[in-house]
Structure formats: structure tokens, C-alpha cells
Amino acid sequence: MEEIMNRIGEVYEPFKVHFLHKPVRPLAPDEVLVKVRASAICGSDLHIARGLHPSAPLPVTIGHEFSGDVVAVGSEVTKAHLGERVTVEPCIVCGKCDACRHGQYGYCEHISFTYRNGDGAMADYVVVKEPYVYELPDYLSYETGALIEPLSVATHAVRRADIRLGETVLIIGAGAIGMMVAAMCRRSGAAEVIIADFSDQRLEMAKQVGATVTVNSGKEDLEQAVARLTHGKGVDKSFECVGRESCFLQAIMTLKRNGTATIIGIYEKPQIQIPASRFVTHEIHVQGAQGYCWDFPIAIAAARDIPLEKFITHTFPLEQLQQALDTALDSKSGSIKVILKP
């Protein structure tokens, strides 16, 4: 393979990005080179940009929601083909620990992600392992294909929550992940999907993708609203998609007895205070959800019926990464998903 130069976006100090320029390394036998066509800014990228991501200290490359074309393959690659349109599951696992050997690679003892190893997708090219490359079906564009990664995060959370037919669900936070959780809950049989946020614009969009009831938490107390909507019982399941102490408390205090809260948000301030007696008096369950494990194929299939293009509010060329990041960080911009295109 001829030497190819690559631009890779890196956050080198809070709120500041620049590009690294380095050659694409030679491919291992089981690796694939993807030319990036669309890359989306993730909420975790914003935590990184603020210098507050608990697992990614600066400097760090960014970008892991992307799609593109296969432009080179290693000598042992058989399933990915040159010219194929693909999206990529950006995790790195060892394949040797107990979790991996039991097929639960999402719990790998050494799990990492491509962007933390310098292969960020805010770039021209990304090198990835063949098993994590998925062909894009015709109903997905490059732009919507880049959103399969966050949809897989939502899919994983909803599968962990074991949503049942007829259940009532509360989602706290109408960002992209929260809205995608709403979409997947409806497709899993939830009868009522309540979503809460401070933005009427986001709440209106949430209705278009799966929410049945919206609550503006800035105008109405959320716990009181849920009590009213559920006739005092509380919800069967809740999802915390923000990463704040107040939202964690809402997620557990709105549950019915024996209900389950699934925590997805990234906590920039990880130490919080909670009313421990609630776990005993209401026998509630609290669990986390991170990443994905066998969720990409499910998300790709579900995407046929989810209007992912509605999530894309801004598009920038890759060289305007700083402007794109500033837009995503600006609460007044109205951004939901910001796409970069090399």
C-alpha cells in the first residue's frame, strides 16, 4: 500500500482542537482501511472537549461515529470488500479474557476504543479490525450511517432494560441518545414513552421519533409530572441520559416499586449523593449501560424505520472541526447531531 497521509482531529487542551498529520500505518492481516465520508460529534466528544471526560484525559483524538468506504484490506480479510460502504463498531477488545471468550466482549477486561488509541474518526482515514466493519444497506446514507454507533448505544441500553409490552418508560434528557432510546423503547413494545428536557425544540422532535408524552423540566417538576401521568404509581423503567446528580435522583425517585433505572449519562462529577433507603423501601434496581455488544446489527435493522436524518442539524467540512465543535458545545445553536465531512 502506498504511503497515505492522514489528518486526525485532536483536542489538545480544553475547547481547542488541531490536526495531527501522519502517514497511515501498514495494515495487519485482519485490518481494514476506511476512507471516512461522514463523522458525527458525540456527547462523549463534548466531555473530552471540556477536558472533563473521566476516561479520556487530554490530549486525545476524537470521533467514533462514522461511515465511509473500504479502500484497502489486509491479507486475511474476507468479509470486507474494496469499495464497500460501511460503518464501524469502534471498540477494541482482547479476545482472550473470560468475558471475550464467553462472547460478552462488551465486558472485556481490556476494552478500549479506536479514538483513545489515536485512530479518531475526525479524520480522512481510519484503520479498524475486520469483525467490526458492517456494510451499509441502501436505506442508509453516509450521514445516517454515521449515526448507527449512537443508535447502537441506545439499543444496548434498551436491551439491558428488558423493555416489555405495555410498559411505561421515562427518559431524562432529549439529546440524541435520549431520543434514540425513545425510538427503540417504542419498537420494543413500551406503551407510554415519557421524555423530559428543558428544550421545547428537542421535545417536539422527540415526539417525531417515538416519545408519546413530553415534559419540560424547566416549566414543571418532573417527579410531580410523572406522578400525575402514572396516577401515583411511577414508571416501570427509567433512563438517565444526561450525567447529572439531579437527573440520577429523578431516575430513581420516579420509579414504581421494583422498577429499573438504567444510567447512560457520562458524569463529569462522578461523586453524587443519593437516598439509599429508596433501594430498600421500593426494591428498585439501578444499572449502567455503556457501549454495545452484538447491538450493531440490531441497530442497522431498526434504522430502516427510524428517521435518523432528523437528528442531523449541522454539517461542516472536516477542516472546520473547531467551528463544528464550538457549535455542538453551544447550547443556543439548536444542534443535535453535527456531521463532519472530509
Protein backbone atom coordinates (compact mmCIF):
# COMPACT_ATOMS: atom_id res chain seq x y z
CA MET A 1 0.00 0.00 0.00
CA GLU A 2 1.36 3.38 -0.96
CA GLU A 3 2.02 5.81 1.88
CA ILE A 4 -1.13 7.84 2.57
CA MET A 5 -1.09 10.94 4.73
CA ASN A 6 -3.92 11.34 7.21
CA ARG A 7 -5.41 14.29 9.12
CA ILE A 8 -6.70 13.40 12.59
CA GLY A 9 -8.52 15.87 14.84
CA GLU A 10 -7.20 16.09 18.39
CA VAL A 11 -8.37 18.02 21.45
CA TYR A 12 -5.05 19.22 22.86
CA GLU A 13 -6.43 21.46 25.60
CA PRO A 14 -9.98 22.27 26.75
CA PHE A 15 -12.11 23.67 23.90
CA LYS A 16 -9.16 23.66 21.44
CA VAL A 17 -8.56 21.28 18.54
CA HIS A 18 -5.88 20.91 15.93
CA PHE A 19 -4.95 18.33 13.32
CA LEU A 20 -2.24 15.74 13.55
CA HIS A 21 -0.70 14.85 10.18
CA LYS A 22 0.83 11.40 9.96
CA PRO A 23 1.02 8.53 7.48
CA VAL A 24 -1.48 5.70 7.62
CA ARG A 25 0.35 2.74 9.11
CA PRO A 26 0.63 -0.59 7.22
CA LEU A 27 -2.39 -2.84 7.70
CA ALA A 28 -2.22 -6.01 9.78
CA PRO A 29 -3.64 -9.11 8.06
CA ASP A 30 -7.04 -8.69 9.74
CA GLU A 31 -7.37 -4.92 9.32
CA VAL A 32 -9.35 -2.68 7.01
CA LEU A 33 -8.65 0.90 5.91
CA VAL A 34 -11.79 3.03 5.76
CA LYS A 35 -11.89 6.37 3.97
CA VAL A 36 -14.21 8.49 6.15
CA ARG A 37 -17.20 10.02 4.36
CA ALA A 38 -19.14 11.29 7.38
CA SER A 39 -18.28 11.55 11.07
CA ALA A 40 -20.60 12.77 13.84
CA ILE A 41 -19.76 14.60 17.05
CA CYS A 42 -20.78 12.52 20.06
CA GLY A 43 -21.74 13.69 23.54
CA SER A 44 -18.59 11.99 24.83
CA ASP A 45 -16.56 14.12 22.38
CA LEU A 46 -18.04 17.17 24.13
CA HIS A 47 -16.97 15.85 27.55
CA ILE A 48 -13.49 15.40 26.05
CA ALA A 49 -13.59 18.90 24.57
CA ARG A 50 -14.28 20.34 28.01
CA GLY A 51 -11.39 18.30 29.41
CA LEU A 52 -13.77 16.53 31.77
CA HIS A 53 -14.19 13.02 30.34
CA PRO A 54 -13.40 10.65 33.26
CA SER A 55 -11.78 8.03 31.00
CA ALA A 56 -10.09 10.15 28.32
CA PRO A 57 -7.55 12.67 29.66
CA LEU A 58 -6.22 15.23 27.19
CA PRO A 59 -4.75 15.25 24.66
CA VAL A 60 -6.95 12.77 22.83
CA THR A 61 -8.15 12.28 19.25
CA ILE A 62 -11.91 12.45 18.77
CA GLY A 63 -14.55 10.86 16.60
CA HIS A 64 -16.00 7.35 16.67
CA GLU A 65 -19.41 7.73 14.99
CA PHE A 66 -18.65 7.41 11.30
CA SER A 67 -19.16 5.79 7.94
CA GLY A 68 -17.08 5.53 4.82
CA ASP A 69 -15.67 3.37 2.05
CA VAL A 70 -13.32 0.40 2.28
CA VAL A 71 -10.21 1.43 0.34
CA ALA A 72 -7.69 -1.24 1.42
CA VAL A 73 -7.79 -4.59 3.21
CA GLY A 74 -5.28 -6.83 4.99
CA SER A 75 -4.12 -10.12 3.52
CA GLU A 76 -6.53 -12.26 5.61
CA VAL A 77 -9.66 -10.10 5.23
CA THR A 78 -12.53 -11.96 3.55
CA LYS A 79 -15.76 -10.21 4.52
CA ALA A 80 -14.97 -6.56 3.79
CA HIS A 81 -14.56 -5.68 0.13
CA LEU A 82 -12.93 -2.78 -1.67
CA GLY A 83 -15.42 -0.03 -2.43
CA GLU A 84 -17.97 -1.25 0.11
CA ARG A 85 -19.95 1.38 2.02
CA VAL A 86 -19.55 0.66 5.74
CA THR A 87 -19.99 1.80 9.29
CA VAL A 88 -17.73 0.65 12.10
CA GLU A 89 -18.12 -0.51 15.70
CA PRO A 90 -15.17 1.40 17.18
CA CYS A 91 -14.30 -0.82 20.13
CA ILE A 92 -11.02 -2.64 20.73
CA VAL A 93 -11.13 -5.86 22.77
CA CYS A 94 -8.57 -8.51 23.64
CA GLY A 95 -10.49 -11.64 22.61
CA LYS A 96 -8.73 -13.60 25.38
CA CYS A 97 -10.29 -12.66 28.74
CA ASP A 98 -13.21 -14.60 30.24
CA ALA A 99 -15.78 -12.08 29.01
CA CYS A 100 -14.49 -12.19 25.45
CA ARG A 101 -14.30 -15.98 25.43
CA HIS A 102 -17.93 -16.11 26.55
CA GLY A 103 -18.96 -13.82 23.70
CA GLN A 104 -19.53 -10.86 26.03
CA TYR A 105 -16.86 -8.64 24.50
CA GLY A 106 -18.59 -5.51 25.80
CA TYR A 107 -17.28 -6.52 29.23
CA CYS A 108 -13.72 -7.13 28.02
CA GLU A 109 -11.22 -6.60 30.84
CA HIS A 110 -9.06 -4.53 28.48
CA ILE A 111 -11.73 -2.79 26.38
CA SER A 112 -10.78 0.42 24.67
CA PHE A 113 -11.98 2.47 21.72
CA THR A 114 -10.29 3.46 18.48
CA TYR A 115 -10.25 7.19 19.25
CA ARG A 116 -8.43 6.62 22.56
CA ASN A 117 -5.69 4.81 20.66
CA GLY A 118 -5.13 7.67 18.24
CA ASP A 119 -7.46 6.46 15.48
CA GLY A 120 -10.11 9.15 15.83
CA ALA A 121 -12.74 9.37 13.10
CA MET A 122 -12.49 13.14 12.73
CA ALA A 123 -10.04 12.20 10.04
CA ASP A 124 -9.59 11.28 6.41
CA TYR A 125 -8.91 7.60 7.16
CA VAL A 126 -9.35 5.10 10.00
CA VAL A 127 -7.76 1.66 10.43
CA VAL A 128 -10.12 -0.91 12.02
CA LYS A 129 -10.40 -4.64 12.61
CA GLU A 130 -12.46 -6.59 10.08
CA PRO A 131 -15.02 -8.11 12.53
CA TYR A 132 -16.23 -4.64 13.48
CA VAL A 133 -16.97 -3.45 9.93
CA TYR A 134 -20.62 -3.50 8.85
CA GLU A 135 -21.93 -2.93 5.35
CA LEU A 136 -24.38 -0.05 5.00
CA PRO A 137 -27.71 -1.07 3.43
CA ASP A 138 -29.17 1.08 0.65
CA TYR A 139 -31.62 2.81 3.02
CA LEU A 140 -28.73 4.43 4.94
CA SER A 141 -26.74 7.35 3.56
CA TYR A 142 -23.20 8.05 4.73
CA GLU A 143 -24.64 10.68 7.09
CA THR A 144 -27.26 8.44 8.67
CA GLY A 145 -24.81 5.54 8.60
CA ALA A 146 -22.57 7.57 10.92
CA LEU A 147 -25.42 7.55 13.45
CA ILE A 148 -25.55 3.76 13.76
CA GLU A 149 -22.99 3.97 16.58
CA PRO A 150 -25.15 6.13 18.89
CA LEU A 151 -28.23 4.14 17.87
CA SER A 152 -26.32 1.03 18.98
CA VAL A 153 -25.64 2.67 22.36
CA ALA A 154 -29.38 3.26 22.72
CA THR A 155 -30.13 -0.27 21.52
CA HIS A 156 -27.77 -1.73 24.13
CA ALA A 157 -29.38 0.30 26.93
CA VAL A 158 -32.91 -0.68 25.91
CA ARG A 159 -31.97 -4.35 25.64
CA ARG A 160 -30.38 -4.22 29.10
CA ALA A 161 -33.54 -2.61 30.48
CA ASP A 162 -35.60 -5.50 29.06
CA ILE A 163 -38.48 -3.31 27.93
CA ARG A 164 -41.74 -5.27 27.90
CA LEU A 165 -45.01 -4.86 26.02
CA GLY A 166 -47.24 -2.28 27.65
CA GLU A 167 -44.67 -0.75 29.99
CA THR A 168 -44.38 2.93 30.85
CA VAL A 169 -40.90 4.40 30.41
CA LEU A 170 -39.30 7.70 31.42
CA ILE A 171 -36.28 9.11 29.56
CA ILE A 172 -34.43 12.01 31.15
CA GLY A 173 -32.59 14.06 28.53
CA ALA A 174 -33.74 14.61 24.94
CA GLY A 175 -30.32 14.65 23.38
CA ALA A 176 -29.55 12.29 20.50
CA ILE A 177 -29.12 9.27 22.79
CA GLY A 178 -32.27 10.01 24.77
CA MET A 179 -34.34 10.37 21.61
CA MET A 180 -32.86 7.19 20.16
CA VAL A 181 -33.71 5.39 23.42
CA ALA A 182 -37.27 6.64 22.97
CA ALA A 183 -37.37 5.27 19.43
CA MET A 184 -36.07 1.86 20.49
CA CYS A 185 -38.41 1.67 23.51
CA ARG A 186 -41.42 2.17 21.25
CA ARG A 187 -40.14 -0.52 18.91
CA SER A 188 -39.70 -2.83 21.91
CA GLY A 189 -43.34 -2.51 22.92
CA ALA A 190 -43.46 0.29 25.50
CA ALA A 191 -46.98 1.73 25.64
CA GLU A 192 -46.01 5.12 27.05
CA VAL A 193 -42.65 6.79 26.48
CA ILE A 194 -42.29 9.96 28.56
CA ILE A 195 -39.27 12.13 27.77
CA ALA A 196 -38.08 15.14 29.78
CA ASP A 197 -35.82 18.02 28.79
CA PHE A 198 -35.53 21.81 29.08
CA SER A 199 -35.78 22.38 25.32
CA ASP A 200 -39.20 22.55 23.69
CA GLN A 201 -37.49 22.16 20.30
CA ARG A 202 -35.91 18.86 21.31
CA LEU A 203 -39.09 17.65 22.96
CA GLU A 204 -41.07 18.32 19.80
CA MET A 205 -38.55 16.32 17.79
CA ALA A 206 -38.67 13.51 20.36
CA LYS A 207 -42.36 13.08 19.55
CA GLN A 208 -41.45 12.55 15.90
CA VAL A 209 -39.19 9.60 16.67
CA GLY A 210 -41.06 7.72 19.38
CA ALA A 211 -41.95 9.69 22.53
CA THR A 212 -45.65 9.71 23.43
CA VAL A 213 -45.51 12.33 26.20
CA THR A 214 -43.09 15.21 26.79
CA VAL A 215 -42.30 17.16 29.95
CA ASN A 216 -40.36 20.43 30.01
CA SER A 217 -38.48 20.09 33.31
CA GLY A 218 -37.88 23.83 33.39
CA LYS A 219 -41.61 24.51 33.50
CA GLU A 220 -42.93 21.58 35.54
CA ASP A 221 -41.48 19.50 38.37
CA LEU A 222 -40.62 16.17 36.76
CA GLU A 223 -41.42 13.97 39.75
CA GLN A 224 -44.83 15.60 40.10
CA ALA A 225 -45.46 15.28 36.37
CA VAL A 226 -44.65 11.56 36.42
CA ALA A 227 -46.87 11.04 39.46
CA ARG A 228 -49.70 12.75 37.58
CA LEU A 229 -49.12 10.78 34.38
CA THR A 230 -48.92 7.42 36.16
CA HIS A 231 -51.66 8.07 38.74
CA GLY A 232 -49.10 7.99 41.52
CA LYS A 233 -47.57 4.60 40.67
CA GLY A 234 -44.37 5.66 38.95
CA VAL A 235 -42.80 4.30 35.76
CA ASP A 236 -41.72 0.73 35.08
CA LYS A 237 -38.35 1.76 33.66
CA SER A 238 -36.31 4.96 33.53
CA PHE A 239 -33.24 6.03 31.55
CA GLU A 240 -30.83 8.75 32.71
CA CYS A 241 -29.20 10.23 29.61
CA VAL A 242 -27.65 13.43 30.98
CA GLY A 243 -24.98 12.65 33.58
CA ARG A 244 -26.02 14.90 36.49
CA GLU A 245 -26.81 14.15 40.12
CA SER A 246 -30.24 15.77 39.89
CA CYS A 247 -31.12 13.59 36.90
CA PHE A 248 -29.91 10.43 38.66
CA LEU A 249 -32.20 11.26 41.57
CA GLN A 250 -35.13 11.82 39.22
CA ALA A 251 -34.44 8.49 37.54
CA ILE A 252 -34.75 6.57 40.80
CA MET A 253 -37.44 8.65 42.51
CA THR A 254 -39.88 8.33 39.60
CA LEU A 255 -39.71 4.52 39.52
CA LYS A 256 -42.56 2.33 40.66
CA ARG A 257 -41.76 -0.32 43.25
CA ASN A 258 -39.49 -2.99 41.75
CA GLY A 259 -38.73 -0.65 38.82
CA THR A 260 -35.41 -0.39 36.99
CA ALA A 261 -33.30 2.68 36.22
CA THR A 262 -30.65 2.47 33.51
CA ILE A 263 -27.89 5.06 33.73
CA ILE A 264 -26.31 6.07 30.41
CA GLY A 265 -25.06 9.62 31.03
CA ILE A 266 -21.35 10.36 31.48
CA TYR A 267 -20.71 12.01 34.83
CA GLU A 268 -18.15 14.81 34.75
CA LYS A 269 -18.65 14.96 38.54
CA PRO A 270 -18.85 11.25 39.41
CA GLN A 271 -19.40 11.62 43.17
CA ILE A 272 -23.11 12.06 43.92
CA GLN A 273 -25.40 11.73 46.94
CA ILE A 274 -28.47 9.52 46.77
CA PRO A 275 -31.21 8.49 49.23
CA ALA A 276 -30.05 4.94 49.92
CA SER A 277 -33.28 3.96 51.69
CA ARG A 278 -35.12 4.16 48.36
CA PHE A 279 -33.37 0.97 47.26
CA VAL A 280 -34.82 -0.85 50.27
CA THR A 281 -38.28 0.66 50.58
CA HIS A 282 -39.09 0.34 46.87
CA GLU A 283 -36.80 -2.58 45.96
CA ILE A 284 -35.64 -0.68 42.88
CA HIS A 285 -32.88 -1.76 40.52
CA VAL A 286 -30.19 0.56 39.17
CA GLN A 287 -27.83 -0.47 36.37
CA GLY A 288 -25.47 1.14 33.94
CA ALA A 289 -25.26 0.87 30.16
CA GLN A 290 -22.15 1.67 28.14
CA GLY A 291 -21.28 0.97 24.55
CA TYR A 292 -22.57 -2.11 22.78
CA CYS A 293 -22.19 -5.84 22.39
CA TRP A 294 -23.83 -7.54 19.38
CA ASP A 295 -26.02 -4.43 19.06
CA PHE A 296 -24.84 -3.02 15.72
CA PRO A 297 -26.79 -5.49 13.52
CA ILE A 298 -29.96 -4.79 15.51
CA ALA A 299 -29.47 -1.03 15.21
CA ILE A 300 -28.85 -1.26 11.47
CA ALA A 301 -32.07 -3.24 11.00
CA ALA A 302 -34.06 -0.85 13.21
CA ALA A 303 -32.72 2.17 11.32
CA ARG A 304 -34.92 1.24 8.35
CA ASP A 305 -37.89 2.61 10.33
CA ILE A 306 -36.24 5.46 12.29
CA PRO A 307 -35.89 8.88 10.59
CA LEU A 308 -32.24 9.33 11.54
CA GLU A 309 -31.85 12.23 9.13
CA LYS A 310 -33.98 14.33 11.51
CA PHE A 311 -31.15 14.21 14.07
CA ILE A 312 -28.67 15.94 11.73
CA THR A 313 -28.85 19.70 12.32
CA HIS A 314 -25.44 20.92 11.12
CA THR A 315 -22.84 19.79 8.58
CA PHE A 316 -19.26 21.10 8.25
CA PRO A 317 -16.21 20.20 6.16
CA LEU A 318 -13.54 18.45 8.23
CA GLU A 319 -11.20 21.47 8.14
CA GLN A 320 -13.84 23.41 10.13
CA LEU A 321 -13.68 20.97 13.05
CA GLN A 322 -13.12 23.75 15.58
CA GLN A 323 -16.22 25.60 14.37
CA ALA A 324 -18.22 22.37 14.37
CA LEU A 325 -17.17 21.59 17.94
CA ASP A 326 -17.98 25.13 19.07
CA THR A 327 -21.43 24.74 17.52
CA ALA A 328 -22.04 21.42 19.29
CA LEU A 329 -20.91 22.93 22.60
CA ASP A 330 -23.17 25.98 22.22
CA SER A 331 -26.50 25.30 23.93
CA LYS A 332 -28.09 28.09 21.88
CA SER A 333 -27.14 26.63 18.49
CA GLY A 334 -30.02 24.15 18.45
CA SER A 335 -27.63 21.39 17.43
CA ILE A 336 -28.46 17.74 17.94
CA LYS A 337 -26.06 15.94 15.63
CA VAL A 338 -23.21 17.78 13.95
CA ILE A 339 -21.66 15.98 10.98
CA LEU A 340 -18.12 16.44 9.63
CA LYS A 341 -17.36 15.50 6.02
CA PRO A 342 -13.73 15.16 4.85
